[in-house]
């Protein structure tokens, strides 16, 4: 059987979990907004300067490949 002390601990744990869930939900919304903004910016850049966008993608792919081959 649970004692009053363990019930208090369980209630505190539930409160903490709910608080963390609330913070995470707010953080996820902020992250979604940032991702949408970044997506729009990248798409606009690619439409305005397609060759530069391709060159950047190739360069980043090369760098990531070099870094991955060293690991």
PDB file of N, CA and C in Angstrom:
ATOM      1  N   UNK A   1       0.825  -1.181   0.000  1.00  0.00           N
ATOM      2  CA  UNK A   1       0.000   0.000   0.000  1.00  0.00           C
ATOM      3  C   UNK A   1       0.874   1.251   0.000  1.00  0.00           C
ATOM      4  N   UNK A   2       0.404   2.263  -0.676  1.00  0.00           N
ATOM      5  CA  UNK A   2       1.138   3.510  -0.741  1.00  0.00           C
ATOM      6  C   UNK A   2       0.880   4.343   0.509  1.00  0.00           C
ATOM      7  N   UNK A   3       1.929   4.958   0.984  1.00  0.00           N
ATOM      8  CA  UNK A   3       1.783   5.829   2.142  1.00  0.00           C
ATOM      9  C   UNK A   3       1.569   7.253   1.671  1.00  0.00           C
ATOM     10  N   UNK A   4       1.257   8.147   2.591  1.00  0.00           N
ATOM     11  CA  UNK A   4       1.045   9.549   2.227  1.00  0.00           C
ATOM     12  C   UNK A   4       2.286  10.147   1.594  1.00  0.00           C
ATOM     13  N   UNK A   5       3.457   9.759   2.083  1.00  0.00           N
ATOM     14  CA  UNK A   5       4.701  10.284   1.522  1.00  0.00           C
ATOM     15  C   UNK A   5       4.874   9.894   0.071  1.00  0.00           C
ATOM     16  N   UNK A   6       4.593   8.640  -0.261  1.00  0.00           N
ATOM     17  CA  UNK A   6       4.743   8.202  -1.648  1.00  0.00           C
ATOM     18  C   UNK A   6       3.664   8.811  -2.533  1.00  0.00           C
ATOM     19  N   UNK A   7       2.481   9.059  -1.968  1.00  0.00           N
ATOM     20  CA  UNK A   7       1.429   9.732  -2.752  1.00  0.00           C
ATOM     21  C   UNK A   7       1.844  11.158  -3.072  1.00  0.00           C
ATOM     22  N   UNK A   8       2.485  11.813  -2.117  1.00  0.00           N
ATOM     23  CA  UNK A   8       2.975  13.178  -2.356  1.00  0.00           C
ATOM     24  C   UNK A   8       4.050  13.187  -3.438  1.00  0.00           C
ATOM     25  N   UNK A   9       4.912  12.188  -3.393  1.00  0.00           N
ATOM     26  CA  UNK A   9       5.967  12.096  -4.407  1.00  0.00           C
ATOM     27  C   UNK A   9       5.358  11.860  -5.780  1.00  0.00           C
ATOM     28  N   UNK A  10       4.384  10.974  -5.854  1.00  0.00           N
ATOM     29  CA  UNK A  10       3.720  10.695  -7.135  1.00  0.00           C
ATOM     30  C   UNK A  10       3.007  11.936  -7.665  1.00  0.00           C
ATOM     31  N   UNK A  11       2.334  12.664  -6.787  1.00  0.00           N
ATOM     32  CA  UNK A  11       1.642  13.885  -7.206  1.00  0.00           C
ATOM     33  C   UNK A  11       2.648  14.918  -7.700  1.00  0.00           C
ATOM     34  N   UNK A  12       3.770  15.048  -7.009  1.00  0.00           N
ATOM     35  CA  UNK A  12       4.808  15.980  -7.442  1.00  0.00           C
ATOM     36  C   UNK A  12       5.399  15.580  -8.780  1.00  0.00           C
ATOM     37  N   UNK A  13       5.588  14.268  -8.968  1.00  0.00           N
ATOM     38  CA  UNK A  13       6.127  13.785 -10.247  1.00  0.00           C
ATOM     39  C   UNK A  13       5.154  14.071 -11.381  1.00  0.00           C
ATOM     40  N   UNK A  14       3.863  13.857 -11.135  1.00  0.00           N
ATOM     41  CA  UNK A  14       2.861  14.144 -12.173  1.00  0.00           C
ATOM     42  C   UNK A  14       2.854  15.625 -12.537  1.00  0.00           C
ATOM     43  N   UNK A  15       2.925  16.478 -11.527  1.00  0.00           N
ATOM     44  CA  UNK A  15       2.956  17.918 -11.774  1.00  0.00           C
ATOM     45  C   UNK A  15       4.182  18.301 -12.598  1.00  0.00           C
ATOM     46  N   UNK A  16       5.316  17.723 -12.251  1.00  0.00           N
ATOM     47  CA  UNK A  16       6.549  18.024 -12.979  1.00  0.00           C
ATOM     48  C   UNK A  16       6.452  17.555 -14.427  1.00  0.00           C
ATOM     49  N   UNK A  17       5.898  16.367 -14.644  1.00  0.00           N
ATOM     50  CA  UNK A  17       5.740  15.846 -16.008  1.00  0.00           C
ATOM     51  C   UNK A  17       4.817  16.747 -16.812  1.00  0.00           C
ATOM     52  N   UNK A  18       3.727  17.191 -16.219  1.00  0.00           N
ATOM     53  CA  UNK A  18       2.810  18.093 -16.933  1.00  0.00           C
ATOM     54  C   UNK A  18       3.486  19.414 -17.283  1.00  0.00           C
ATOM     55  N   UNK A  19       4.294  19.917 -16.360  1.00  0.00           N
ATOM     56  CA  UNK A  19       5.008  21.168 -16.613  1.00  0.00           C
ATOM     57  C   UNK A  19       6.004  21.005 -17.757  1.00  0.00           C
ATOM     58  N   UNK A  20       6.729  19.906 -17.749  1.00  0.00           N
ATOM     59  CA  UNK A  20       7.704  19.648 -18.813  1.00  0.00           C
ATOM     60  C   UNK A  20       6.994  19.464 -20.152  1.00  0.00           C
ATOM     61  N   UNK A  21       5.862  18.769 -20.136  1.00  0.00           N
ATOM     62  CA  UNK A  21       5.090  18.595 -21.368  1.00  0.00           C
ATOM     63  C   UNK A  21       4.647  19.938 -21.937  1.00  0.00           C
ATOM     64  N   UNK A  22       4.217  20.833 -21.067  1.00  0.00           N
ATOM     65  CA  UNK A  22       3.807  22.162 -21.517  1.00  0.00           C
ATOM     66  C   UNK A  22       4.959  22.941 -22.129  1.00  0.00           C
ATOM     67  N   UNK A  23       6.107  22.863 -21.492  1.00  0.00           N
ATOM     68  CA  UNK A  23       7.287  23.552 -22.036  1.00  0.00           C
ATOM     69  C   UNK A  23       7.697  22.961 -23.377  1.00  0.00           C
ATOM     70  N   UNK A  24       7.675  21.637 -23.473  1.00  0.00           N
ATOM     71  CA  UNK A  24       8.064  20.976 -24.718  1.00  0.00           C
ATOM     72  C   UNK A  24       7.114  21.328 -25.850  1.00  0.00           C
ATOM     73  N   UNK A  25       5.828  21.398 -25.552  1.00  0.00           N
ATOM     74  CA  UNK A  25       4.852  21.744 -26.579  1.00  0.00           C
ATOM     75  C   UNK A  25       5.120  23.148 -27.108  1.00  0.00           C
ATOM     76  N   UNK A  26       5.405  24.084 -26.210  1.00  0.00           N
ATOM     77  CA  UNK A  26       5.725  25.445 -26.643  1.00  0.00           C
ATOM     78  C   UNK A  26       7.002  25.492 -27.453  1.00  0.00           C
ATOM     79  N   UNK A  27       7.993  24.738 -27.037  1.00  0.00           N
ATOM     80  CA  UNK A  27       9.257  24.681 -27.772  1.00  0.00           C
ATOM     81  C   UNK A  27       9.087  24.074 -29.154  1.00  0.00           C
ATOM     82  N   UNK A  28       8.242  23.064 -29.248  1.00  0.00           N
ATOM     83  CA  UNK A  28       7.993  22.431 -30.548  1.00  0.00           C
ATOM     84  C   UNK A  28       7.297  23.399 -31.497  1.00  0.00           C
ATOM     85  N   UNK A  29       6.379  24.186 -30.987  1.00  0.00           N
ATOM     86  CA  UNK A  29       5.705  25.174 -31.826  1.00  0.00           C
ATOM     87  C   UNK A  29       6.704  26.214 -32.337  1.00  0.00           C
ATOM     88  N   UNK A  30       7.602  26.660 -31.470  1.00  0.00           N
ATOM     89  CA  UNK A  30       8.634  27.605 -31.886  1.00  0.00           C
ATOM     90  C   UNK A  30       9.518  26.993 -32.957  1.00  0.00           C
ATOM     91  N   UNK A  31       9.874  25.724 -32.781  1.00  0.00           N
ATOM     92  CA  UNK A  31      10.729  25.036 -33.742  1.00  0.00           C
ATOM     93  C   UNK A  31      10.031  24.880 -35.084  1.00  0.00           C
ATOM     94  N   UNK A  32       8.745  24.574 -35.058  1.00  0.00           N
ATOM     95  CA  UNK A  32       7.988  24.465 -36.316  1.00  0.00           C
ATOM     96  C   UNK A  32       7.969  25.797 -37.049  1.00  0.00           C
ATOM     97  N   UNK A  33       7.759  26.880 -36.305  1.00  0.00           N
ATOM     98  CA  UNK A  33       7.751  28.198 -36.933  1.00  0.00           C
ATOM     99  C   UNK A  33       9.098  28.531 -37.546  1.00  0.00           C
ATOM    100  N   UNK A  34      10.180  28.203 -36.847  1.00  0.00           N
ATOM    101  CA  UNK A  34      11.518  28.447 -37.379  1.00  0.00           C
ATOM    102  C   UNK A  34      11.758  27.620 -38.636  1.00  0.00           C
ATOM    103  N   UNK A  35      11.324  26.367 -38.624  1.00  0.00           N
ATOM    104  CA  UNK A  35      11.527  25.497 -39.788  1.00  0.00           C
ATOM    105  C   UNK A  35      10.745  26.019 -40.994  1.00  0.00           C
ATOM    106  N   UNK A  36       9.534  26.497 -40.770  1.00  0.00           N
ATOM    107  CA  UNK A  36       8.739  27.037 -41.876  1.00  0.00           C
ATOM    108  C   UNK A  36       9.390  28.290 -42.448  1.00  0.00           C
ATOM    109  N   UNK A  37       9.922  29.141 -41.579  1.00  0.00           N
ATOM    110  CA  UNK A  37      10.594  30.359 -42.034  1.00  0.00           C
ATOM    111  C   UNK A  37      11.847  30.009 -42.829  1.00  0.00           C
ATOM    112  N   UNK A  38      12.625  29.063 -42.327  1.00  0.00           N
ATOM    113  CA  UNK A  38      13.839  28.650 -43.024  1.00  0.00           C
ATOM    114  C   UNK A  38      13.488  28.037 -44.372  1.00  0.00           C
ATOM    115  N   UNK A  39      12.443  27.225 -44.420  1.00  0.00           N
ATOM    116  CA  UNK A  39      12.019  26.596 -45.666  1.00  0.00           C
ATOM    117  C   UNK A  39      11.647  27.651 -46.705  1.00  0.00           C
ATOM    118  N   UNK A  40      10.878  28.641 -46.286  1.00  0.00           N
ATOM    119  CA  UNK A  40      10.470  29.707 -47.204  1.00  0.00           C
ATOM    120  C   UNK A  40      11.674  30.480 -47.713  1.00  0.00           C
ATOM    121  N   UNK A  41      12.592  30.802 -46.818  1.00  0.00           N
ATOM    122  CA  UNK A  41      13.785  31.557 -47.208  1.00  0.00           C
ATOM    123  C   UNK A  41      14.637  30.778 -48.199  1.00  0.00           C
ATOM    124  N   UNK A  42      14.827  29.501 -47.947  1.00  0.00           N
ATOM    125  CA  UNK A  42      15.645  28.671 -48.841  1.00  0.00           C
ATOM    126  C   UNK A  42      14.983  28.524 -50.200  1.00  0.00           C
ATOM    127  N   UNK A  43      13.678  28.315 -50.213  1.00  0.00           N
ATOM    128  CA  UNK A  43      12.976  28.184 -51.496  1.00  0.00           C
ATOM    129  C   UNK A  43      13.065  29.476 -52.314  1.00  0.00           C
ATOM    130  N   UNK A  44      12.902  30.621 -51.656  1.00  0.00           N
ATOM    131  CA  UNK A  44      13.007  31.896 -52.365  1.00  0.00           C
ATOM    132  C   UNK A  44      14.410  32.085 -52.929  1.00  0.00           C
ATOM    133  N   UNK A  45      15.422  31.766 -52.133  1.00  0.00           N
ATOM    134  CA  UNK A  45      16.806  31.886 -52.594  1.00  0.00           C
ATOM    135  C   UNK A  45      17.048  30.987 -53.804  1.00  0.00           C
ATOM    136  N   UNK A  46      16.545  29.747 -53.757  1.00  0.00           N
ATOM    137  CA  UNK A  46      16.747  28.806 -54.860  1.00  0.00           C
ATOM    138  C   UNK A  46      16.035  29.277 -56.124  1.00  0.00           C
ATOM    139  N   UNK A  47      14.885  29.915 -55.971  1.00  0.00           N
ATOM    140  CA  UNK A  47      14.173  30.426 -57.151  1.00  0.00           C
ATOM    141  C   UNK A  47      14.897  31.628 -57.764  1.00  0.00           C
ATOM    142  N   UNK A  48      15.459  32.483 -56.910  1.00  0.00           N
ATOM    143  CA  UNK A  48      16.142  33.676 -57.396  1.00  0.00           C
ATOM    144  C   UNK A  48      17.508  33.357 -57.987  1.00  0.00           C
ATOM    145  N   UNK A  49      18.229  32.417 -57.389  1.00  0.00           N
ATOM    146  CA  UNK A  49      19.593  32.085 -57.817  1.00  0.00           C
ATOM    147  C   UNK A  49      19.776  30.568 -57.865  1.00  0.00           C
ATOM    148  N   UNK A  50      19.209  29.917 -58.884  1.00  0.00           N
ATOM    149  CA  UNK A  50      19.257  28.452 -58.913  1.00  0.00           C
ATOM    150  C   UNK A  50      20.676  27.879 -59.026  1.00  0.00           C
ATOM    151  N   UNK A  51      21.542  28.505 -59.792  1.00  0.00           N
ATOM    152  CA  UNK A  51      22.901  27.978 -59.953  1.00  0.00           C
ATOM    153  C   UNK A  51      23.703  28.097 -58.655  1.00  0.00           C
ATOM    154  N   UNK A  52      23.532  29.194 -57.939  1.00  0.00           N
ATOM    155  CA  UNK A  52      24.221  29.365 -56.661  1.00  0.00           C
ATOM    156  C   UNK A  52      23.702  28.341 -55.649  1.00  0.00           C
ATOM    157  N   UNK A  53      22.385  28.093 -55.674  1.00  0.00           N
ATOM    158  CA  UNK A  53      21.803  27.109 -54.764  1.00  0.00           C
ATOM    159  C   UNK A  53      22.356  25.714 -55.058  1.00  0.00           C
ATOM    160  N   UNK A  54      22.488  25.369 -56.327  1.00  0.00           N
ATOM    161  CA  UNK A  54      23.058  24.069 -56.700  1.00  0.00           C
ATOM    162  C   UNK A  54      24.515  23.986 -56.274  1.00  0.00           C
ATOM    163  N   UNK A  55      25.267  25.059 -56.486  1.00  0.00           N
ATOM    164  CA  UNK A  55      26.675  25.070 -56.086  1.00  0.00           C
ATOM    165  C   UNK A  55      26.819  24.915 -54.572  1.00  0.00           C
ATOM    166  N   UNK A  56      25.954  25.566 -53.823  1.00  0.00           N
ATOM    167  CA  UNK A  56      25.984  25.425 -52.356  1.00  0.00           C
ATOM    168  C   UNK A  56      25.676  23.989 -51.949  1.00  0.00           C
ATOM    169  N   UNK A  57      24.696  23.389 -52.581  1.00  0.00           N
ATOM    170  CA  UNK A  57      24.326  22.015 -52.251  1.00  0.00           C
ATOM    171  C   UNK A  57      25.470  21.054 -52.563  1.00  0.00           C
ATOM    172  N   UNK A  58      26.119  21.256 -53.695  1.00  0.00           N
ATOM    173  CA  UNK A  58      27.258  20.410 -54.055  1.00  0.00           C
ATOM    174  C   UNK A  58      28.399  20.609 -53.059  1.00  0.00           C
ATOM    175  N   UNK A  59      28.684  21.845 -52.716  1.00  0.00           N
ATOM    176  CA  UNK A  59      29.752  22.130 -51.768  1.00  0.00           C
ATOM    177  C   UNK A  59      29.477  21.536 -50.395  1.00  0.00           C
ATOM    178  N   UNK A  60      28.258  21.687 -49.910  1.00  0.00           N
ATOM    179  CA  UNK A  60      27.903  21.103 -48.616  1.00  0.00           C
ATOM    180  C   UNK A  60      27.971  19.578 -48.654  1.00  0.00           C
ATOM    181  N   UNK A  61      27.513  19.004 -49.748  1.00  0.00           N
ATOM    182  CA  UNK A  61      27.595  17.550 -49.890  1.00  0.00           C
ATOM    183  C   UNK A  61      29.031  17.071 -49.867  1.00  0.00           C
ATOM    184  N   UNK A  62      29.908  17.813 -50.549  1.00  0.00           N
ATOM    185  CA  UNK A  62      31.329  17.462 -50.553  1.00  0.00           C
ATOM    186  C   UNK A  62      31.910  17.544 -49.148  1.00  0.00           C
ATOM    187  N   UNK A  63      31.637  18.641 -48.435  1.00  0.00           N
ATOM    188  CA  UNK A  63      32.157  18.790 -47.072  1.00  0.00           C
ATOM    189  C   UNK A  63      31.633  17.707 -46.125  1.00  0.00           C
ATOM    190  N   UNK A  64      30.356  17.423 -46.217  1.00  0.00           N
ATOM    191  CA  UNK A  64      29.788  16.381 -45.352  1.00  0.00           C
ATOM    192  C   UNK A  64      30.409  15.026 -45.685  1.00  0.00           C
ATOM    193  N   UNK A  65      30.622  14.770 -46.963  1.00  0.00           N
ATOM    194  CA  UNK A  65      31.253  13.523 -47.372  1.00  0.00           C
ATOM    195  C   UNK A  65      32.673  13.409 -46.841  1.00  0.00           C
ATOM    196  N   UNK A  66      33.423  14.501 -46.906  1.00  0.00           N
ATOM    197  CA  UNK A  66      34.792  14.491 -46.386  1.00  0.00           C
ATOM    198  C   UNK A  66      34.816  14.265 -44.879  1.00  0.00           C
ATOM    199  N   UNK A  67      33.929  14.952 -44.176  1.00  0.00           N
ATOM    200  CA  UNK A  67      33.874  14.781 -42.721  1.00  0.00           C
ATOM    201  C   UNK A  67      33.422  13.371 -42.336  1.00  0.00           C
ATOM    202  N   UNK A  68      32.480  12.825 -43.070  1.00  0.00           N
ATOM    203  CA  UNK A  68      31.988  11.473 -42.765  1.00  0.00           C
ATOM    204  C   UNK A  68      33.037  10.413 -43.071  1.00  0.00           C
ATOM    205  N   UNK A  69      33.873  10.646 -44.068  1.00  0.00           N
ATOM    206  CA  UNK A  69      34.884   9.651 -44.419  1.00  0.00           C
ATOM    207  C   UNK A  69      36.005   9.600 -43.375  1.00  0.00           C
ATOM    208  N   UNK A  70      36.177  10.668 -42.610  1.00  0.00           N
ATOM    209  CA  UNK A  70      37.213  10.700 -41.582  1.00  0.00           C
ATOM    210  C   UNK A  70      36.775   9.985 -40.315  1.00  0.00           C
ATOM    211  N   UNK A  71      35.494   9.862 -40.128  1.00  0.00           N
ATOM    212  CA  UNK A  71      34.973   9.273 -38.874  1.00  0.00           C
ATOM    213  C   UNK A  71      35.093   7.764 -38.858  1.00  0.00           C
TER     214      UNK A  71
END
